[in-house]
Amino acid sequence: MKENGNRVKYQIASGRVVLLVDWLKNKMSPPQLILIVFFCLIWIGALLLTLPQSSSTGQSIGLLDALFTATSAICVNGLVVVDTGSVFSTFGQVVIMIMIQVGGLGFMTFGVMVALILGKRIGLKQRLIIQQTTHSTSSQGLVRLSLYMVLIAFAFEAFAALILTIRWQAEMGWGQAAYYALFHSVSAFNNAGFALWSDSLSSSVGDPVVNLTIILLFISGGLGYLVVVDIFRKRSWRKLSLHSKVVLLTSAILTAAGFLVLFLLESWNPATFGQLGAGERALAAFFQGTTPRSAGFNTIDIGSMLAASQFFIIILMFIGAASGGTGGGIKTNTFVVLILATVNTFRGGGQIHAFKRKITEETVMRALAVVMSSLAAVLVIALLLTISEGMLEDHFLEVLFEATSAFSTTGLSMGLTSELSSAGKVIVTFSMYVGRLGPLTLAFALAQKKRSSKIGYAEDHILIG
């Protein structure tokens, strides 16, 4: 009788879980489901990291630090309040690596893989969620795109891991070198910025193999899967989509600008480039010029850089990577759309276009919404951190840097992260969550159903400028 009673209770509990899942699927929009699933994944990761097995000392690191780390990993940020290499055990580091991979690729991509393996059908609801997480403009071919995403990620990571293993095996031995290579390859391709060294990659500042491999990974991940797939399919600049052309050209310009500005500025700084040779300076400038695009690694101390360089990095972090990629920020294509709209206004109006293709007014308005909401978020975060950390005015750049890095999911820091108070950790944790999901996703998730206005208002004018 007791076994039958337990069986009935189990069936009732299972039925309630199924009903809850079905209710969530039917009642919630794809953006709302994304918010909830990311929230649940973060807490699952946090609970795993609080286990004594996740700590190198055998003692729990505490819920708040575990939650901060899990959010940073799932949101592929890279900000850390405890040193990943020394505080976490191998088990804890593997948990972090898995969270980075899931957060970078998107939980629905893995869901598609599991569903296909089990022979399940991908429904319309699932396709809409995939479209939302990949920023795809069409709902067609999304399952194939998900498969491409997994293959591209694993191919890049495996190739880079092989190169780094060969490079590090003389120093560490094959086993440890392979583990370090895999961890940093996953972290780099997903633009996470987690490193197993306390100084990130500063010890490799003059190593071209390590630098160029890591740069290749985070640039490829930051371009976005849509762009990478488009390149492999078309293999011709003329045949590429407008999105791919804009992303590639903008990324090249920002990379060149980052290299030149930091090389010229930091060459005068004895605390950074002044200690390096000519070749190492060029390599360091190239790395630091590209890493603010949401990568999170660094080969020189960011806190020792000139204030002008630090402010320039803030600008690059705010712009970020491309839509549909593993990076954050307002996105390069959003930045370009606003630049084109501004230039077009100065020229007297007319169609906004690029590469002989018209850009719709709706696209411009969405870009404006993203930039304004992101700017407001960064300013609010900076204000809250200034209050919670009791920062004086001569440390404001440090606070603004931290706020921008958290929201843009970049992971760079001038040193404030490790000194955050409990309130500061909560603020930055929430900032990483909001920044990863994006202002528009949050707005769509929290908004009511669209209502068409039945009232037409008379047109009037507001003075501008």
Protein backbone atom coordinates (compact mmCIF):
# COMPACT_ATOMS: atom_id res chain seq x y z
CA MET A 1 0.00 0.00 0.00
CA LYS A 2 2.83 2.35 0.88
CA GLU A 3 4.52 1.82 -2.51
CA ASN A 4 1.20 2.45 -4.31
CA GLY A 5 0.73 5.64 -2.29
CA ASN A 6 4.21 6.88 -3.19
CA ARG A 7 3.58 6.04 -6.83
CA VAL A 8 0.33 8.03 -6.83
CA LYS A 9 2.07 11.01 -5.19
CA TYR A 10 4.86 10.81 -7.78
CA GLN A 11 2.35 10.72 -10.64
CA ILE A 12 0.46 13.69 -9.19
CA ALA A 13 3.69 15.69 -8.78
CA SER A 14 4.82 14.79 -12.31
CA GLY A 15 1.43 15.78 -13.68
CA ARG A 16 1.64 19.16 -11.95
CA VAL A 17 5.11 19.79 -13.40
CA VAL A 18 3.86 18.92 -16.90
CA LEU A 19 0.85 21.22 -16.47
CA LEU A 20 3.14 24.03 -15.27
CA VAL A 21 5.46 23.61 -18.28
CA ASP A 22 2.50 23.55 -20.68
CA TRP A 23 1.06 26.66 -19.02
CA LEU A 24 4.37 28.48 -19.39
CA LYS A 25 4.59 27.51 -23.08
CA ASN A 26 1.05 28.65 -23.83
CA LYS A 27 0.86 31.80 -21.73
CA MET A 28 4.30 33.33 -22.17
CA SER A 29 5.89 34.95 -25.19
CA PRO A 30 9.32 33.82 -26.44
CA PRO A 31 11.12 36.79 -24.81
CA GLN A 32 9.47 36.05 -21.48
CA LEU A 33 10.49 32.39 -21.69
CA ILE A 34 14.05 33.45 -22.49
CA LEU A 35 14.13 35.63 -19.36
CA ILE A 36 12.85 32.82 -17.17
CA VAL A 37 15.10 30.10 -18.59
CA PHE A 38 18.22 32.26 -18.30
CA PHE A 39 17.22 33.11 -14.74
CA CYS A 40 16.80 29.41 -13.89
CA LEU A 41 20.10 28.47 -15.56
CA ILE A 42 21.92 31.11 -13.52
CA TRP A 43 20.51 29.78 -10.26
CA ILE A 44 21.29 26.18 -11.18
CA GLY A 45 24.88 27.21 -11.89
CA ALA A 46 25.06 29.24 -8.68
CA LEU A 47 23.88 26.29 -6.58
CA LEU A 48 26.46 24.04 -8.23
CA LEU A 49 29.22 26.55 -7.51
CA THR A 50 28.22 26.78 -3.85
CA LEU A 51 28.98 23.08 -3.39
CA PRO A 52 32.17 22.29 -1.45
CA GLN A 53 33.31 20.20 -4.45
CA SER A 54 33.43 23.37 -6.57
CA SER A 55 35.96 25.03 -4.25
CA SER A 56 39.68 24.27 -4.22
CA THR A 57 39.65 24.43 -0.41
CA GLY A 58 36.66 22.13 0.03
CA GLN A 59 34.62 24.95 1.61
CA SER A 60 31.72 26.74 -0.10
CA ILE A 61 32.56 30.16 -1.53
CA GLY A 62 29.15 31.49 -0.47
CA LEU A 63 25.93 32.05 -2.37
CA LEU A 64 26.53 35.69 -3.38
CA ASP A 65 29.96 35.05 -4.96
CA ALA A 66 28.61 31.87 -6.59
CA LEU A 67 25.62 33.79 -8.01
CA PHE A 68 27.89 36.54 -9.32
CA THR A 69 30.18 33.99 -11.01
CA ALA A 70 27.29 31.98 -12.47
CA THR A 71 25.67 35.13 -13.89
CA SER A 72 28.99 36.22 -15.37
CA ALA A 73 29.45 32.78 -16.98
CA ILE A 74 25.91 32.32 -18.33
CA CYS A 75 25.88 35.93 -19.57
CA VAL A 76 29.39 35.40 -21.06
CA ASN A 77 30.67 38.47 -19.25
CA GLY A 78 33.93 37.58 -17.51
CA LEU A 79 33.85 39.86 -14.47
CA VAL A 80 34.94 37.88 -11.41
CA VAL A 81 34.95 38.57 -7.68
CA VAL A 82 37.13 35.53 -6.93
CA ASP A 83 40.05 34.16 -8.92
CA THR A 84 38.79 31.37 -11.19
CA GLY A 85 42.06 29.45 -11.37
CA SER A 86 42.87 29.35 -7.64
CA VAL A 87 39.50 29.52 -5.84
CA PHE A 88 37.60 26.93 -7.90
CA SER A 89 38.44 23.24 -8.16
CA THR A 90 38.58 21.42 -11.47
CA PHE A 91 34.93 20.50 -10.98
CA GLY A 92 33.99 24.14 -10.41
CA GLN A 93 35.98 25.27 -13.43
CA VAL A 94 34.28 22.66 -15.64
CA VAL A 95 30.88 23.87 -14.39
CA ILE A 96 31.89 27.42 -15.35
CA MET A 97 33.08 26.25 -18.78
CA ILE A 98 29.78 24.46 -19.44
CA MET A 99 27.82 27.55 -18.38
CA ILE A 100 29.91 29.69 -20.74
CA GLN A 101 29.17 27.32 -23.64
CA VAL A 102 25.45 27.21 -22.89
CA GLY A 103 25.27 30.97 -22.42
CA GLY A 104 27.24 31.69 -25.59
CA LEU A 105 25.40 29.35 -27.92
CA GLY A 106 22.00 29.83 -26.29
CA PHE A 107 19.98 27.25 -24.43
CA MET A 108 17.62 26.70 -27.38
CA THR A 109 20.50 25.62 -29.60
CA PHE A 110 21.27 22.79 -27.21
CA GLY A 111 17.54 22.09 -26.96
CA VAL A 112 17.38 21.65 -30.72
CA MET A 113 20.30 19.22 -30.62
CA VAL A 114 18.66 17.12 -27.89
CA ALA A 115 15.29 17.18 -29.66
CA LEU A 116 16.82 16.02 -32.94
CA ILE A 117 18.73 13.23 -31.19
CA LEU A 118 15.51 12.06 -29.51
CA GLY A 119 13.57 12.36 -32.77
CA LYS A 120 11.33 15.17 -31.48
CA ARG A 121 9.65 17.76 -33.73
CA ILE A 122 10.64 21.43 -33.38
CA GLY A 123 7.38 23.37 -33.08
CA LEU A 124 6.51 26.96 -33.96
CA LYS A 125 6.98 28.17 -30.37
CA GLN A 126 10.48 26.72 -30.25
CA ARG A 127 11.32 28.27 -33.63
CA LEU A 128 10.22 31.69 -32.40
CA ILE A 129 12.47 31.36 -29.35
CA ILE A 130 15.39 30.33 -31.57
CA GLN A 131 14.71 33.34 -33.80
CA GLN A 132 14.70 35.62 -30.75
CA THR A 133 17.96 34.24 -29.31
CA THR A 134 19.82 34.22 -32.63
CA HIS A 135 18.48 37.62 -33.81
CA SER A 136 17.51 36.01 -37.10
CA THR A 137 15.30 38.07 -39.42
CA SER A 138 13.41 35.01 -40.68
CA SER A 139 11.80 31.98 -39.08
CA GLN A 140 12.86 29.80 -41.99
CA GLY A 141 15.81 27.42 -41.68
CA LEU A 142 16.29 28.05 -37.95
CA VAL A 143 16.85 24.39 -37.09
CA ARG A 144 19.57 24.19 -39.72
CA LEU A 145 21.04 27.44 -38.39
CA SER A 146 21.15 25.97 -34.88
CA LEU A 147 23.07 22.97 -36.18
CA TYR A 148 25.46 25.27 -38.03
CA MET A 149 25.98 27.26 -34.81
CA VAL A 150 26.98 24.16 -32.86
CA LEU A 151 29.29 22.91 -35.62
CA ILE A 152 30.94 26.33 -36.07
CA ALA A 153 31.49 26.78 -32.35
CA PHE A 154 32.93 23.31 -31.80
CA ALA A 155 35.12 23.55 -34.92
CA PHE A 156 36.65 26.89 -33.90
CA GLU A 157 37.11 25.81 -30.29
CA ALA A 158 38.64 22.43 -31.20
CA PHE A 159 41.07 23.96 -33.70
CA ALA A 160 42.17 26.67 -31.27
CA ALA A 161 42.45 24.19 -28.41
CA LEU A 162 44.78 22.05 -30.51
CA ILE A 163 47.03 25.04 -31.30
CA LEU A 164 47.14 26.21 -27.68
CA THR A 165 47.79 22.67 -26.41
CA ILE A 166 50.84 22.36 -28.64
CA ARG A 167 51.99 25.84 -27.56
CA TRP A 168 51.63 25.17 -23.80
CA GLN A 169 52.60 21.50 -23.57
CA ALA A 170 56.29 22.24 -23.04
CA GLU A 171 55.46 24.35 -19.97
CA MET A 172 52.63 22.28 -18.46
CA GLY A 173 52.67 18.82 -19.95
CA TRP A 174 50.10 17.47 -22.39
CA GLY A 175 47.28 16.86 -19.90
CA GLN A 176 47.20 20.23 -18.22
CA ALA A 177 47.97 22.03 -21.48
CA ALA A 178 44.97 20.37 -23.17
CA TYR A 179 42.69 21.34 -20.27
CA TYR A 180 43.89 24.96 -20.18
CA ALA A 181 43.65 25.17 -23.96
CA LEU A 182 40.06 23.88 -24.01
CA PHE A 183 38.94 26.20 -21.20
CA HIS A 184 40.41 29.33 -22.78
CA SER A 185 39.18 28.37 -26.27
CA VAL A 186 35.60 28.01 -25.03
CA SER A 187 35.91 31.22 -23.03
CA ALA A 188 37.39 33.18 -25.95
CA PHE A 189 35.02 32.03 -28.71
CA ASN A 190 32.01 32.82 -26.52
CA ASN A 191 33.50 36.22 -25.62
CA ALA A 192 33.38 35.31 -21.92
CA GLY A 193 36.83 36.47 -20.81
CA PHE A 194 37.27 33.90 -18.02
CA ALA A 195 40.91 32.93 -17.54
CA LEU A 196 42.68 30.46 -15.25
CA TRP A 197 45.45 32.96 -14.51
CA SER A 198 44.86 35.78 -12.04
CA ASP A 199 46.34 38.34 -14.46
CA SER A 200 44.29 37.06 -17.42
CA LEU A 201 46.77 36.65 -20.33
CA SER A 202 49.34 39.25 -19.22
CA SER A 203 52.09 36.63 -19.08
CA SER A 204 51.57 36.06 -22.83
CA VAL A 205 51.70 39.72 -23.86
CA GLY A 206 54.52 39.05 -26.33
CA ASP A 207 53.41 35.58 -27.48
CA PRO A 208 52.06 35.85 -31.06
CA VAL A 209 50.61 32.31 -31.08
CA VAL A 210 48.50 32.82 -27.95
CA ASN A 211 47.51 36.39 -28.84
CA LEU A 212 46.47 35.73 -32.43
CA THR A 213 44.66 32.49 -31.57
CA ILE A 214 42.59 34.13 -28.82
CA ILE A 215 41.91 37.18 -31.03
CA LEU A 216 40.74 34.94 -33.90
CA LEU A 217 38.35 33.19 -31.53
CA PHE A 218 36.66 36.19 -29.98
CA ILE A 219 36.45 38.12 -33.25
CA SER A 220 34.84 35.10 -34.97
CA GLY A 221 32.38 34.65 -32.11
CA GLY A 222 31.66 38.37 -31.99
CA LEU A 223 30.84 38.59 -35.71
CA GLY A 224 27.80 36.38 -35.19
CA TYR A 225 26.80 33.00 -36.55
CA LEU A 226 24.65 34.55 -39.27
CA VAL A 227 27.69 36.35 -40.68
CA VAL A 228 29.99 33.30 -40.43
CA VAL A 229 27.40 31.07 -42.13
CA ASP A 230 26.84 33.73 -44.81
CA ILE A 231 30.59 33.87 -45.51
CA PHE A 232 30.87 30.10 -45.83
CA ARG A 233 27.84 29.93 -48.10
CA LYS A 234 28.43 32.93 -50.39
CA ARG A 235 32.26 33.22 -50.38
CA SER A 236 31.94 36.49 -52.28
CA TRP A 237 31.70 40.04 -50.96
CA ARG A 238 29.18 40.98 -53.65
CA LYS A 239 26.81 38.15 -52.68
CA LEU A 240 26.87 38.77 -48.95
CA SER A 241 23.77 40.09 -47.20
CA LEU A 242 23.55 43.73 -46.13
CA HIS A 243 23.84 42.66 -42.49
CA SER A 244 27.08 40.76 -43.15
CA LYS A 245 28.63 43.61 -45.13
CA VAL A 246 27.80 46.17 -42.44
CA VAL A 247 29.14 43.94 -39.65
CA LEU A 248 32.38 43.05 -41.45
CA LEU A 249 33.17 46.60 -42.58
CA THR A 250 32.33 48.15 -39.20
CA SER A 251 34.33 45.51 -37.32
CA ALA A 252 37.36 46.17 -39.53
CA ILE A 253 37.13 49.94 -38.99
CA LEU A 254 36.69 49.62 -35.21
CA THR A 255 39.57 47.13 -34.99
CA ALA A 256 41.89 49.44 -36.93
CA ALA A 257 40.79 52.44 -34.85
CA GLY A 258 41.30 50.54 -31.60
CA PHE A 259 44.79 49.48 -32.60
CA LEU A 260 45.93 52.91 -33.79
CA VAL A 261 44.49 54.94 -30.90
CA LEU A 262 45.81 52.65 -28.15
CA PHE A 263 49.19 52.24 -29.84
CA LEU A 264 49.66 56.00 -30.08
CA LEU A 265 48.37 56.76 -26.59
CA GLU A 266 49.97 53.96 -24.59
CA SER A 267 53.36 54.27 -26.26
CA TRP A 268 53.78 57.31 -24.00
CA ASN A 269 52.85 55.34 -20.89
CA PRO A 270 55.86 53.78 -19.07
CA ALA A 271 53.52 51.63 -16.92
CA THR A 272 52.18 49.69 -19.93
CA PHE A 273 53.74 49.81 -23.42
CA GLY A 274 56.86 51.60 -22.17
CA GLN A 275 58.13 48.27 -20.83
CA LEU A 276 57.67 46.45 -24.15
CA GLY A 277 59.62 46.17 -27.37
CA ALA A 278 58.31 47.45 -30.71
CA GLY A 279 56.82 44.12 -31.77
CA GLU A 280 55.27 43.51 -28.35
CA ARG A 281 53.76 47.00 -28.38
CA ALA A 282 52.05 46.34 -31.69
CA LEU A 283 50.75 42.99 -30.47
CA ALA A 284 49.53 44.47 -27.18
CA ALA A 285 47.82 47.37 -28.96
CA PHE A 286 46.10 44.97 -31.36
CA PHE A 287 44.89 42.78 -28.50
CA GLN A 288 43.70 45.64 -26.27
CA GLY A 289 42.11 47.33 -29.29
CA THR A 290 39.96 44.30 -30.10
CA THR A 291 39.19 42.89 -26.64
CA PRO A 292 36.76 45.72 -25.66
CA ARG A 293 34.46 44.37 -28.37
CA SER A 294 33.15 42.11 -25.57
CA ALA A 295 36.03 39.62 -25.26
CA GLY A 296 37.08 40.40 -21.68
CA PHE A 297 40.70 39.20 -21.84
CA ASN A 298 43.65 41.54 -21.38
CA THR A 299 47.41 41.27 -21.79
CA ILE A 300 48.28 44.50 -19.96
CA ASP A 301 46.88 45.97 -16.74
CA ILE A 302 43.81 48.02 -17.66
CA GLY A 303 44.06 50.01 -14.44
CA SER A 304 47.57 51.23 -15.39
CA MET A 305 46.47 52.63 -18.75
CA LEU A 306 46.07 56.35 -19.40
CA ALA A 307 42.67 57.89 -18.65
CA ALA A 308 42.24 58.69 -22.36
CA SER A 309 42.82 55.03 -23.26
CA GLN A 310 40.41 53.85 -20.59
CA PHE A 311 37.70 56.22 -21.81
CA PHE A 312 38.26 55.10 -25.39
CA ILE A 313 37.84 51.47 -24.25
CA ILE A 314 34.55 52.47 -22.60
CA ILE A 315 33.32 53.69 -25.99
CA LEU A 316 34.37 50.44 -27.69
CA MET A 317 32.72 48.36 -24.95
CA PHE A 318 29.47 50.28 -25.31
CA ILE A 319 29.42 49.59 -29.06
CA GLY A 320 30.30 45.92 -28.54
CA ALA A 321 30.06 43.08 -31.05
CA ALA A 322 27.54 42.20 -33.77
CA SER A 323 23.92 41.12 -33.36
CA GLY A 324 23.54 37.36 -33.23
CA GLY A 325 27.07 36.88 -31.93
CA THR A 326 28.38 35.90 -28.53
CA GLY A 327 29.32 39.47 -27.59
CA GLY A 328 27.34 42.28 -25.99
CA GLY A 329 27.02 46.05 -26.24
CA ILE A 330 24.52 47.97 -28.37
CA LYS A 331 25.96 46.02 -31.34
CA THR A 332 27.98 47.29 -34.29
CA ASN A 333 25.05 47.21 -36.72
CA THR A 334 22.93 49.30 -34.33
CA PHE A 335 25.76 51.82 -34.14
CA VAL A 336 26.05 52.00 -37.94
CA VAL A 337 22.31 52.47 -38.45
CA LEU A 338 22.31 55.51 -36.15
CA ILE A 339 25.43 56.93 -37.80
CA LEU A 340 23.80 56.57 -41.23
CA ALA A 341 20.58 58.17 -39.97
CA THR A 342 22.53 61.09 -38.46
CA VAL A 343 24.56 61.68 -41.63
CA ASN A 344 21.39 61.45 -43.70
CA THR A 345 19.71 64.10 -41.51
CA PHE A 346 22.67 66.46 -41.95
CA ARG A 347 22.41 65.98 -45.69
CA GLY A 348 18.76 67.03 -45.76
CA GLY A 349 16.89 63.76 -45.34
CA GLY A 350 15.71 61.26 -47.90
CA GLN A 351 16.20 57.51 -47.90
CA ILE A 352 18.65 55.99 -45.46
CA HIS A 353 20.68 53.41 -47.33
CA ALA A 354 23.86 51.35 -47.31
CA PHE A 355 25.41 49.27 -50.10
CA LYS A 356 22.50 50.26 -52.38
CA ARG A 357 19.94 48.86 -49.93
CA LYS A 358 17.28 50.91 -48.13
CA ILE A 359 17.17 50.85 -44.33
CA THR A 360 13.61 51.09 -43.04
CA GLU A 361 12.38 53.70 -40.58
CA GLU A 362 11.38 50.91 -38.17
CA THR A 363 15.00 49.69 -38.08
CA VAL A 364 16.20 53.21 -37.26
CA MET A 365 13.65 53.57 -34.45
CA ARG A 366 14.63 50.19 -32.97
CA ALA A 367 18.30 51.20 -33.11
CA LEU A 368 17.49 54.48 -31.37
CA ALA A 369 15.52 52.62 -28.68
CA VAL A 370 18.42 50.24 -28.04
CA VAL A 371 20.99 53.02 -27.76
CA MET A 372 18.88 55.27 -25.52
CA SER A 373 17.81 52.47 -23.17
CA SER A 374 21.37 51.13 -23.01
CA LEU A 375 22.79 54.56 -22.28
CA ALA A 376 20.19 55.10 -19.56
CA ALA A 377 21.00 51.68 -18.05
CA VAL A 378 24.75 52.39 -17.93
CA LEU A 379 24.20 55.78 -16.29
CA VAL A 380 21.84 54.31 -13.67
CA ILE A 381 24.28 51.47 -12.94
CA ALA A 382 27.13 53.96 -12.56
CA LEU A 383 25.02 56.10 -10.23
CA LEU A 384 24.08 53.10 -8.08
CA LEU A 385 27.69 51.88 -7.89
CA THR A 386 28.87 55.35 -6.93
CA ILE A 387 26.42 55.26 -4.01
CA SER A 388 26.98 51.63 -2.96
CA GLU A 389 30.78 51.82 -3.13
CA GLY A 390 31.08 55.33 -1.70
CA MET A 391 33.34 56.34 -4.58
CA LEU A 392 34.83 59.83 -4.66
CA GLU A 393 34.79 61.98 -7.76
CA ASP A 394 38.38 61.10 -8.70
CA HIS A 395 37.29 57.46 -9.07
CA PHE A 396 34.27 58.10 -11.31
CA LEU A 397 35.99 56.83 -14.46
CA GLU A 398 36.60 53.55 -12.64
CA VAL A 399 32.89 53.30 -11.80
CA LEU A 400 31.77 54.22 -15.33
CA PHE A 401 34.20 51.65 -16.72
CA GLU A 402 32.74 48.94 -14.43
CA ALA A 403 29.15 49.86 -15.28
CA THR A 404 29.78 49.81 -19.02
CA SER A 405 31.73 46.56 -18.82
CA ALA A 406 28.96 44.85 -16.83
CA PHE A 407 26.11 45.99 -19.07
CA SER A 408 27.97 45.35 -22.32
CA THR A 409 29.05 41.89 -21.02
CA THR A 410 32.68 42.73 -21.81
CA GLY A 411 34.32 41.63 -18.57
CA LEU A 412 37.17 44.15 -18.41
CA SER A 413 37.81 45.97 -15.15
CA MET A 414 40.10 48.65 -13.75
CA GLY A 415 40.21 46.71 -10.48
CA LEU A 416 36.88 47.63 -8.91
CA THR A 417 35.24 44.19 -9.32
CA SER A 418 37.31 42.40 -6.69
CA GLU A 419 36.62 45.22 -4.20
CA LEU A 420 32.83 45.39 -4.64
CA SER A 421 30.62 45.46 -1.57
CA SER A 422 27.71 43.04 -1.23
CA ALA A 423 25.33 45.68 -2.60
CA GLY A 424 27.75 46.38 -5.47
CA LYS A 425 27.89 42.68 -6.34
CA VAL A 426 24.09 42.55 -6.52
CA ILE A 427 24.00 45.64 -8.76
CA VAL A 428 26.64 44.29 -11.14
CA THR A 429 25.00 40.83 -11.18
CA PHE A 430 21.67 42.32 -12.26
CA SER A 431 23.47 44.55 -14.77
CA MET A 432 25.12 41.54 -16.44
CA TYR A 433 21.75 39.76 -16.66
CA VAL A 434 20.00 42.77 -18.21
CA GLY A 435 22.91 43.51 -20.53
CA ARG A 436 23.09 39.96 -21.87
CA LEU A 437 19.37 39.69 -22.63
CA GLY A 438 19.26 43.16 -24.11
CA PRO A 439 16.96 46.13 -23.50
CA LEU A 440 14.62 45.21 -26.35
CA THR A 441 14.21 41.61 -25.20
CA LEU A 442 13.37 42.84 -21.72
CA ALA A 443 10.94 45.40 -23.13
CA PHE A 444 9.20 42.82 -25.32
CA ALA A 445 9.04 40.37 -22.41
CA LEU A 446 7.48 42.85 -20.00
CA ALA A 447 5.25 44.70 -22.45
CA GLN A 448 1.53 44.15 -22.88
CA LYS A 449 0.11 42.93 -26.17
CA LYS A 450 0.31 45.51 -28.94
CA ARG A 451 -2.69 47.78 -29.08
CA SER A 452 -3.53 49.69 -32.22
CA SER A 453 -4.58 53.24 -31.46
CA LYS A 454 -8.08 54.16 -32.58
CA ILE A 455 -7.39 57.87 -32.24
CA GLY A 456 -5.56 59.92 -34.83
CA TYR A 457 -3.93 63.07 -33.43
CA ALA A 458 -3.23 66.29 -35.26
CA GLU A 459 0.38 66.82 -36.26
CA ASP A 460 2.42 69.50 -34.51
CA HIS A 461 6.08 70.45 -34.16
CA ILE A 462 8.70 70.41 -31.39
CA LEU A 463 11.84 72.49 -31.73
CA ILE A 464 15.00 70.37 -31.86
CA GLY A 465 18.52 71.63 -31.14
